């Protein structure tokens, strides 16, 4: 056991007029040092999207926590999810952050906005390897953790905020990274950081979200014995 731990917080807002969120976050702790976090974004919005994202996050987080390979997880997702009768596709995009022994972060990303990493209060560009698994282009990264590292995973409802109103092309990932970098030095908790990001998205949507928006923040800090 090292002296680091992960603080995790997330928040979602629903597509306007929908009772259920089409995004879903699952967190499974393998032990006190290793955690699997999955943020899944179901196709569309409402009930169907909620079912797709819940199934995806539950299956992936459970399988990865049991140590099964990524290829098997993706193949299981493809075989399990129902096909959308309108669009002819059946998937939920997903982001996985696998914290191993509080020393390494394994990040796996499929079609969601890429995870923002903030180190030393600045956006940090990490290395990504592109894999093709079952016809899907998946990006994988291994990052050695340091105290103070912050990871921001999000659904595409965040960068889509403000399209055609506050911004022509939405709130770009780099802009979100700069926004979050300005908040990290203040010392907010992971929950507060995720809430501030989603609240800003809601503001850019004018209080009428045109998509589900979810942010999940992982903050690496020193253990504080009680």
C-alpha atoms as a PDB file:
ATOM      1  CA  UNK A   1       0.000   0.000   0.000  1.00  0.00           C
ATOM      2  CA  UNK A   2       1.344   3.462  -0.879  1.00  0.00           C
ATOM      3  CA  UNK A   3       0.253   6.728   0.727  1.00  0.00           C
ATOM      4  CA  UNK A   4      -2.047   7.739  -2.147  1.00  0.00           C
ATOM      5  CA  UNK A   5      -5.790   7.296  -2.481  1.00  0.00           C
ATOM      6  CA  UNK A   6      -8.414   8.206  -5.069  1.00  0.00           C
ATOM      7  CA  UNK A   7     -11.296  10.545  -4.375  1.00  0.00           C
ATOM      8  CA  UNK A   8     -14.128  10.079  -6.899  1.00  0.00           C
ATOM      9  CA  UNK A   9     -17.136  12.278  -7.594  1.00  0.00           C
ATOM     10  CA  UNK A  10     -19.641  12.583 -10.416  1.00  0.00           C
ATOM     11  CA  UNK A  11     -22.774  14.413 -11.469  1.00  0.00           C
ATOM     12  CA  UNK A  12     -25.306  14.134 -14.335  1.00  0.00           C
ATOM     13  CA  UNK A  13     -28.057  16.256 -15.819  1.00  0.00           C
ATOM     14  CA  UNK A  14     -30.806  14.774 -17.982  1.00  0.00           C
ATOM     15  CA  UNK A  15     -31.779  15.712 -21.526  1.00  0.00           C
ATOM     16  CA  UNK A  16     -34.621  18.231 -21.244  1.00  0.00           C
ATOM     17  CA  UNK A  17     -37.977  16.498 -20.864  1.00  0.00           C
ATOM     18  CA  UNK A  18     -36.511  13.106 -19.916  1.00  0.00           C
ATOM     19  CA  UNK A  19     -37.134  11.398 -16.568  1.00  0.00           C
ATOM     20  CA  UNK A  20     -34.049   9.167 -16.849  1.00  0.00           C
ATOM     21  CA  UNK A  21     -30.442   9.968 -17.676  1.00  0.00           C
ATOM     22  CA  UNK A  22     -28.927   8.200 -20.682  1.00  0.00           C
ATOM     23  CA  UNK A  23     -25.491   8.268 -19.011  1.00  0.00           C
ATOM     24  CA  UNK A  24     -24.454   5.952 -16.197  1.00  0.00           C
ATOM     25  CA  UNK A  25     -21.437   5.793 -13.879  1.00  0.00           C
ATOM     26  CA  UNK A  26     -20.400   2.605 -12.081  1.00  0.00           C
ATOM     27  CA  UNK A  27     -17.612   2.336  -9.515  1.00  0.00           C
ATOM     28  CA  UNK A  28     -16.373  -1.043  -8.306  1.00  0.00           C
ATOM     29  CA  UNK A  29     -13.628  -1.335  -5.699  1.00  0.00           C
ATOM     30  CA  UNK A  30     -11.571  -4.490  -6.105  1.00  0.00           C
ATOM     31  CA  UNK A  31      -9.844  -3.729  -2.805  1.00  0.00           C
ATOM     32  CA  UNK A  32      -8.848  -0.573  -0.947  1.00  0.00           C
ATOM     33  CA  UNK A  33      -6.108   0.147  -3.516  1.00  0.00           C
ATOM     34  CA  UNK A  34      -7.707  -0.796  -6.845  1.00  0.00           C
ATOM     35  CA  UNK A  35     -10.880   0.597  -8.404  1.00  0.00           C
ATOM     36  CA  UNK A  36     -12.704   0.333 -11.731  1.00  0.00           C
ATOM     37  CA  UNK A  37     -14.697   3.413 -12.821  1.00  0.00           C
ATOM     38  CA  UNK A  38     -16.892   3.241 -15.933  1.00  0.00           C
ATOM     39  CA  UNK A  39     -18.781   6.153 -17.492  1.00  0.00           C
ATOM     40  CA  UNK A  40     -21.148   4.922 -20.213  1.00  0.00           C
ATOM     41  CA  UNK A  41     -23.253   7.041 -22.578  1.00  0.00           C
ATOM     42  CA  UNK A  42     -26.209   5.213 -24.131  1.00  0.00           C
ATOM     43  CA  UNK A  43     -27.323   5.908 -27.684  1.00  0.00           C
ATOM     44  CA  UNK A  44     -29.926   8.704 -27.769  1.00  0.00           C
ATOM     45  CA  UNK A  45     -31.643   9.709 -24.542  1.00  0.00           C
ATOM     46  CA  UNK A  46     -34.382   8.604 -22.164  1.00  0.00           C
ATOM     47  CA  UNK A  47     -35.306   5.053 -21.170  1.00  0.00           C
ATOM     48  CA  UNK A  48     -33.557   3.246 -24.041  1.00  0.00           C
ATOM     49  CA  UNK A  49     -30.301   5.148 -23.518  1.00  0.00           C
ATOM     50  CA  UNK A  50     -30.508   4.584 -19.766  1.00  0.00           C
ATOM     51  CA  UNK A  51     -30.847   0.805 -20.248  1.00  0.00           C
ATOM     52  CA  UNK A  52     -27.940   0.708 -22.741  1.00  0.00           C
ATOM     53  CA  UNK A  53     -25.593   2.731 -20.543  1.00  0.00           C
ATOM     54  CA  UNK A  54     -26.538   0.854 -17.342  1.00  0.00           C
ATOM     55  CA  UNK A  55     -25.960  -2.534 -18.984  1.00  0.00           C
ATOM     56  CA  UNK A  56     -22.659  -1.378 -20.474  1.00  0.00           C
ATOM     57  CA  UNK A  57     -21.233   0.089 -17.283  1.00  0.00           C
ATOM     58  CA  UNK A  58     -22.372  -2.849 -15.118  1.00  0.00           C
ATOM     59  CA  UNK A  59     -20.945  -5.489 -17.480  1.00  0.00           C
ATOM     60  CA  UNK A  60     -17.613  -3.720 -18.070  1.00  0.00           C
ATOM     61  CA  UNK A  61     -16.984  -2.740 -14.444  1.00  0.00           C
ATOM     62  CA  UNK A  62     -17.839  -6.223 -13.134  1.00  0.00           C
ATOM     63  CA  UNK A  63     -15.758  -8.056 -15.760  1.00  0.00           C
ATOM     64  CA  UNK A  64     -12.736  -5.771 -15.394  1.00  0.00           C
ATOM     65  CA  UNK A  65     -12.888  -5.969 -11.604  1.00  0.00           C
ATOM     66  CA  UNK A  66     -12.695  -9.761 -11.997  1.00  0.00           C
ATOM     67  CA  UNK A  67      -9.532  -9.352 -14.092  1.00  0.00           C
ATOM     68  CA  UNK A  68     -10.976 -10.366 -17.479  1.00  0.00           C
ATOM     69  CA  UNK A  69      -9.219  -8.953 -20.586  1.00  0.00           C
ATOM     70  CA  UNK A  70     -10.540  -5.860 -22.354  1.00  0.00           C
ATOM     71  CA  UNK A  71     -11.189  -7.813 -25.576  1.00  0.00           C
ATOM     72  CA  UNK A  72     -13.563 -10.143 -23.728  1.00  0.00           C
ATOM     73  CA  UNK A  73     -15.385  -7.197 -22.106  1.00  0.00           C
ATOM     74  CA  UNK A  74     -15.950  -5.467 -25.460  1.00  0.00           C
ATOM     75  CA  UNK A  75     -17.053  -8.711 -27.147  1.00  0.00           C
ATOM     76  CA  UNK A  76     -19.556  -9.320 -24.335  1.00  0.00           C
ATOM     77  CA  UNK A  77     -20.954  -5.793 -24.699  1.00  0.00           C
ATOM     78  CA  UNK A  78     -21.373  -6.247 -28.467  1.00  0.00           C
ATOM     79  CA  UNK A  79     -23.167  -9.569 -27.965  1.00  0.00           C
ATOM     80  CA  UNK A  80     -25.406  -8.325 -25.148  1.00  0.00           C
ATOM     81  CA  UNK A  81     -26.755  -4.926 -26.181  1.00  0.00           C
ATOM     82  CA  UNK A  82     -29.999  -4.880 -28.195  1.00  0.00           C
ATOM     83  CA  UNK A  83     -29.973  -3.411 -31.714  1.00  0.00           C
ATOM     84  CA  UNK A  84     -31.653  -0.023 -32.188  1.00  0.00           C
ATOM     85  CA  UNK A  85     -34.473  -0.559 -34.716  1.00  0.00           C
ATOM     86  CA  UNK A  86     -34.194   3.034 -35.995  1.00  0.00           C
ATOM     87  CA  UNK A  87     -30.429   3.451 -36.424  1.00  0.00           C
ATOM     88  CA  UNK A  88     -29.438  -0.184 -36.782  1.00  0.00           C
ATOM     89  CA  UNK A  89     -26.652   0.121 -34.216  1.00  0.00           C
ATOM     90  CA  UNK A  90     -26.425  -1.123 -30.653  1.00  0.00           C
ATOM     91  CA  UNK A  91     -23.863   0.408 -28.476  1.00  0.00           C
ATOM     92  CA  UNK A  92     -23.115   2.669 -25.628  1.00  0.00           C
ATOM     93  CA  UNK A  93     -19.883   4.625 -25.722  1.00  0.00           C
ATOM     94  CA  UNK A  94     -17.721   4.240 -22.624  1.00  0.00           C
ATOM     95  CA  UNK A  95     -14.735   5.487 -20.678  1.00  0.00           C
ATOM     96  CA  UNK A  96     -12.927   3.222 -18.205  1.00  0.00           C
ATOM     97  CA  UNK A  97     -10.492   4.447 -15.562  1.00  0.00           C
ATOM     98  CA  UNK A  98      -8.865   1.480 -13.841  1.00  0.00           C
ATOM     99  CA  UNK A  99      -6.791   2.474 -10.815  1.00  0.00           C
ATOM    100  CA  UNK A 100      -4.266  -0.253 -10.017  1.00  0.00           C
ATOM    101  CA  UNK A 101      -2.726  -0.295  -6.517  1.00  0.00           C
ATOM    102  CA  UNK A 102      -3.132   3.509  -6.446  1.00  0.00           C
ATOM    103  CA  UNK A 103       0.071   3.585  -8.519  1.00  0.00           C
ATOM    104  CA  UNK A 104      -1.132   3.338 -12.103  1.00  0.00           C
ATOM    105  CA  UNK A 105      -4.171   4.550 -14.014  1.00  0.00           C
ATOM    106  CA  UNK A 106      -5.223   2.457 -17.009  1.00  0.00           C
ATOM    107  CA  UNK A 107      -7.551   4.525 -19.200  1.00  0.00           C
ATOM    108  CA  UNK A 108      -9.652   2.881 -21.924  1.00  0.00           C
ATOM    109  CA  UNK A 109     -11.839   5.055 -24.151  1.00  0.00           C
ATOM    110  CA  UNK A 110     -14.425   4.294 -26.813  1.00  0.00           C
ATOM    111  CA  UNK A 111     -16.142   7.205 -28.614  1.00  0.00           C
ATOM    112  CA  UNK A 112     -16.548   9.392 -25.514  1.00  0.00           C
ATOM    113  CA  UNK A 113     -14.680  12.723 -25.275  1.00  0.00           C
ATOM    114  CA  UNK A 114     -11.151  11.814 -24.239  1.00  0.00           C
ATOM    115  CA  UNK A 115     -10.339  12.035 -20.546  1.00  0.00           C
ATOM    116  CA  UNK A 116      -8.785  15.321 -19.464  1.00  0.00           C
ATOM    117  CA  UNK A 117      -5.776  14.919 -17.187  1.00  0.00           C
ATOM    118  CA  UNK A 118      -4.549  17.790 -15.039  1.00  0.00           C
ATOM    119  CA  UNK A 119      -1.100  17.561 -13.452  1.00  0.00           C
ATOM    120  CA  UNK A 120       0.610  20.385 -11.550  1.00  0.00           C
ATOM    121  CA  UNK A 121      -2.567  22.425 -12.166  1.00  0.00           C
ATOM    122  CA  UNK A 122      -2.047  22.320 -15.958  1.00  0.00           C
ATOM    123  CA  UNK A 123      -3.645  20.172 -18.695  1.00  0.00           C
ATOM    124  CA  UNK A 124      -1.326  17.185 -19.244  1.00  0.00           C
ATOM    125  CA  UNK A 125      -1.054  15.346 -22.564  1.00  0.00           C
ATOM    126  CA  UNK A 126      -0.741  11.607 -21.963  1.00  0.00           C
ATOM    127  CA  UNK A 127       0.181   8.904 -24.487  1.00  0.00           C
ATOM    128  CA  UNK A 128      -2.612   6.916 -26.156  1.00  0.00           C
ATOM    129  CA  UNK A 129      -2.384   3.635 -28.069  1.00  0.00           C
ATOM    130  CA  UNK A 130      -5.116   2.919 -30.615  1.00  0.00           C
ATOM    131  CA  UNK A 131      -6.494  -0.640 -30.699  1.00  0.00           C
ATOM    132  CA  UNK A 132      -9.096  -2.232 -32.940  1.00  0.00           C
ATOM    133  CA  UNK A 133     -11.284  -4.655 -30.992  1.00  0.00           C
ATOM    134  CA  UNK A 134     -14.287  -6.177 -32.730  1.00  0.00           C
ATOM    135  CA  UNK A 135     -14.296  -3.401 -35.322  1.00  0.00           C
ATOM    136  CA  UNK A 136     -14.255  -0.685 -32.662  1.00  0.00           C
ATOM    137  CA  UNK A 137     -11.384   1.816 -32.377  1.00  0.00           C
ATOM    138  CA  UNK A 138     -10.436   1.944 -28.710  1.00  0.00           C
ATOM    139  CA  UNK A 139      -7.765   4.124 -27.118  1.00  0.00           C
ATOM    140  CA  UNK A 140      -5.724   2.783 -24.217  1.00  0.00           C
ATOM    141  CA  UNK A 141      -3.290   4.585 -21.906  1.00  0.00           C
ATOM    142  CA  UNK A 142      -1.145   3.668 -18.890  1.00  0.00           C
ATOM    143  CA  UNK A 143      -0.245   6.541 -16.569  1.00  0.00           C
ATOM    144  CA  UNK A 144       1.961   6.482 -13.478  1.00  0.00           C
ATOM    145  CA  UNK A 145       0.053   8.341 -10.768  1.00  0.00           C
ATOM    146  CA  UNK A 146       1.335  11.334  -8.814  1.00  0.00           C
ATOM    147  CA  UNK A 147      -0.189  13.175  -5.885  1.00  0.00           C
ATOM    148  CA  UNK A 148      -2.444  15.954  -7.149  1.00  0.00           C
ATOM    149  CA  UNK A 149      -3.312  14.306 -10.489  1.00  0.00           C
ATOM    150  CA  UNK A 150      -6.907  14.965 -11.565  1.00  0.00           C
ATOM    151  CA  UNK A 151      -8.784  13.006 -14.247  1.00  0.00           C
ATOM    152  CA  UNK A 152     -11.994  14.342 -15.804  1.00  0.00           C
ATOM    153  CA  UNK A 153     -14.142  11.830 -17.731  1.00  0.00           C
ATOM    154  CA  UNK A 154     -17.287  13.105 -19.434  1.00  0.00           C
ATOM    155  CA  UNK A 155     -20.071  12.230 -21.839  1.00  0.00           C
ATOM    156  CA  UNK A 156     -20.432  14.170 -25.099  1.00  0.00           C
ATOM    157  CA  UNK A 157     -23.185  16.294 -23.535  1.00  0.00           C
ATOM    158  CA  UNK A 158     -20.407  18.390 -21.954  1.00  0.00           C
ATOM    159  CA  UNK A 159     -18.525  19.523 -25.104  1.00  0.00           C
ATOM    160  CA  UNK A 160     -21.881  19.854 -26.935  1.00  0.00           C
ATOM    161  CA  UNK A 161     -23.042  22.458 -24.398  1.00  0.00           C
ATOM    162  CA  UNK A 162     -23.717  25.864 -25.907  1.00  0.00           C
ATOM    163  CA  UNK A 163     -23.782  24.767 -29.569  1.00  0.00           C
ATOM    164  CA  UNK A 164     -25.463  27.493 -31.610  1.00  0.00           C
ATOM    165  CA  UNK A 165     -25.949  29.743 -28.574  1.00  0.00           C
ATOM    166  CA  UNK A 166     -22.894  30.554 -26.469  1.00  0.00           C
ATOM    167  CA  UNK A 167     -20.564  28.900 -29.014  1.00  0.00           C
ATOM    168  CA  UNK A 168     -20.850  28.008 -32.699  1.00  0.00           C
ATOM    169  CA  UNK A 169     -19.381  24.538 -32.227  1.00  0.00           C
ATOM    170  CA  UNK A 170     -19.922  23.833 -28.559  1.00  0.00           C
ATOM    171  CA  UNK A 171     -17.616  24.020 -25.561  1.00  0.00           C
ATOM    172  CA  UNK A 172     -14.431  22.412 -26.865  1.00  0.00           C
ATOM    173  CA  UNK A 173     -12.447  19.864 -24.865  1.00  0.00           C
ATOM    174  CA  UNK A 174      -9.448  22.222 -24.610  1.00  0.00           C
ATOM    175  CA  UNK A 175     -11.721  24.957 -23.224  1.00  0.00           C
ATOM    176  CA  UNK A 176     -13.102  22.526 -20.634  1.00  0.00           C
ATOM    177  CA  UNK A 177      -9.525  21.536 -19.716  1.00  0.00           C
ATOM    178  CA  UNK A 178      -8.619  25.213 -19.154  1.00  0.00           C
ATOM    179  CA  UNK A 179     -11.809  25.742 -17.123  1.00  0.00           C
ATOM    180  CA  UNK A 180     -11.049  22.768 -14.864  1.00  0.00           C
ATOM    181  CA  UNK A 181      -7.357  23.694 -14.529  1.00  0.00           C
ATOM    182  CA  UNK A 182      -8.418  27.000 -13.025  1.00  0.00           C
ATOM    183  CA  UNK A 183     -10.516  25.219 -10.373  1.00  0.00           C
ATOM    184  CA  UNK A 184      -8.078  22.472  -9.316  1.00  0.00           C
ATOM    185  CA  UNK A 185      -5.612  24.727  -7.366  1.00  0.00           C
ATOM    186  CA  UNK A 186      -8.448  25.900  -5.084  1.00  0.00           C
ATOM    187  CA  UNK A 187      -8.563  22.417  -3.518  1.00  0.00           C
ATOM    188  CA  UNK A 188     -12.177  21.481  -4.267  1.00  0.00           C
ATOM    189  CA  UNK A 189     -13.234  17.873  -3.730  1.00  0.00           C
ATOM    190  CA  UNK A 190     -13.794  15.570  -6.719  1.00  0.00           C
ATOM    191  CA  UNK A 191     -17.578  15.803  -6.178  1.00  0.00           C
ATOM    192  CA  UNK A 192     -17.474  19.608  -6.163  1.00  0.00           C
ATOM    193  CA  UNK A 193     -15.317  19.719  -9.309  1.00  0.00           C
ATOM    194  CA  UNK A 194     -17.703  17.425 -11.213  1.00  0.00           C
ATOM    195  CA  UNK A 195     -20.694  19.468 -10.005  1.00  0.00           C
ATOM    196  CA  UNK A 196     -19.112  22.761 -11.097  1.00  0.00           C
ATOM    197  CA  UNK A 197     -18.391  21.380 -14.560  1.00  0.00           C
ATOM    198  CA  UNK A 198     -21.913  20.015 -15.096  1.00  0.00           C
ATOM    199  CA  UNK A 199     -23.493  23.181 -13.674  1.00  0.00           C
ATOM    200  CA  UNK A 200     -21.478  25.222 -16.185  1.00  0.00           C
ATOM    201  CA  UNK A 201     -22.716  22.938 -18.987  1.00  0.00           C
ATOM    202  CA  UNK A 202     -26.298  23.449 -17.795  1.00  0.00           C
ATOM    203  CA  UNK A 203     -25.731  27.216 -17.880  1.00  0.00           C
ATOM    204  CA  UNK A 204     -24.392  27.005 -21.458  1.00  0.00           C
ATOM    205  CA  UNK A 205     -27.490  25.017 -22.443  1.00  0.00           C
ATOM    206  CA  UNK A 206     -29.528  27.924 -21.046  1.00  0.00           C
ATOM    207  CA  UNK A 207     -31.060  25.593 -18.472  1.00  0.00           C
ATOM    208  CA  UNK A 208     -32.551  23.451 -21.268  1.00  0.00           C
ATOM    209  CA  UNK A 209     -30.041  20.606 -21.832  1.00  0.00           C
ATOM    210  CA  UNK A 210     -30.107  19.294 -25.396  1.00  0.00           C
ATOM    211  CA  UNK A 211     -28.308  16.118 -24.280  1.00  0.00           C
ATOM    212  CA  UNK A 212     -27.539  14.150 -21.134  1.00  0.00           C
ATOM    213  CA  UNK A 213     -24.325  15.528 -19.619  1.00  0.00           C
ATOM    214  CA  UNK A 214     -22.181  13.685 -17.085  1.00  0.00           C
ATOM    215  CA  UNK A 215     -18.794  14.430 -15.562  1.00  0.00           C
ATOM    216  CA  UNK A 216     -16.796  12.070 -13.348  1.00  0.00           C
ATOM    217  CA  UNK A 217     -13.711  13.428 -11.585  1.00  0.00           C
ATOM    218  CA  UNK A 218     -10.956  11.321 -10.015  1.00  0.00           C
ATOM    219  CA  UNK A 219      -8.570  13.174  -7.728  1.00  0.00           C
ATOM    220  CA  UNK A 220      -5.376  11.517  -6.491  1.00  0.00           C
ATOM    221  CA  UNK A 221      -4.407  12.691  -3.026  1.00  0.00           C
ATOM    222  CA  UNK A 222      -2.547  11.590   0.085  1.00  0.00           C
ATOM    223  CA  UNK A 223      -4.321   9.356   2.540  1.00  0.00           C
ATOM    224  CA  UNK A 224      -5.612  11.136   5.603  1.00  0.00           C
ATOM    225  CA  UNK A 225      -5.782   8.679   8.526  1.00  0.00           C
ATOM    226  CA  UNK A 226      -8.791   9.304  10.771  1.00  0.00           C
END
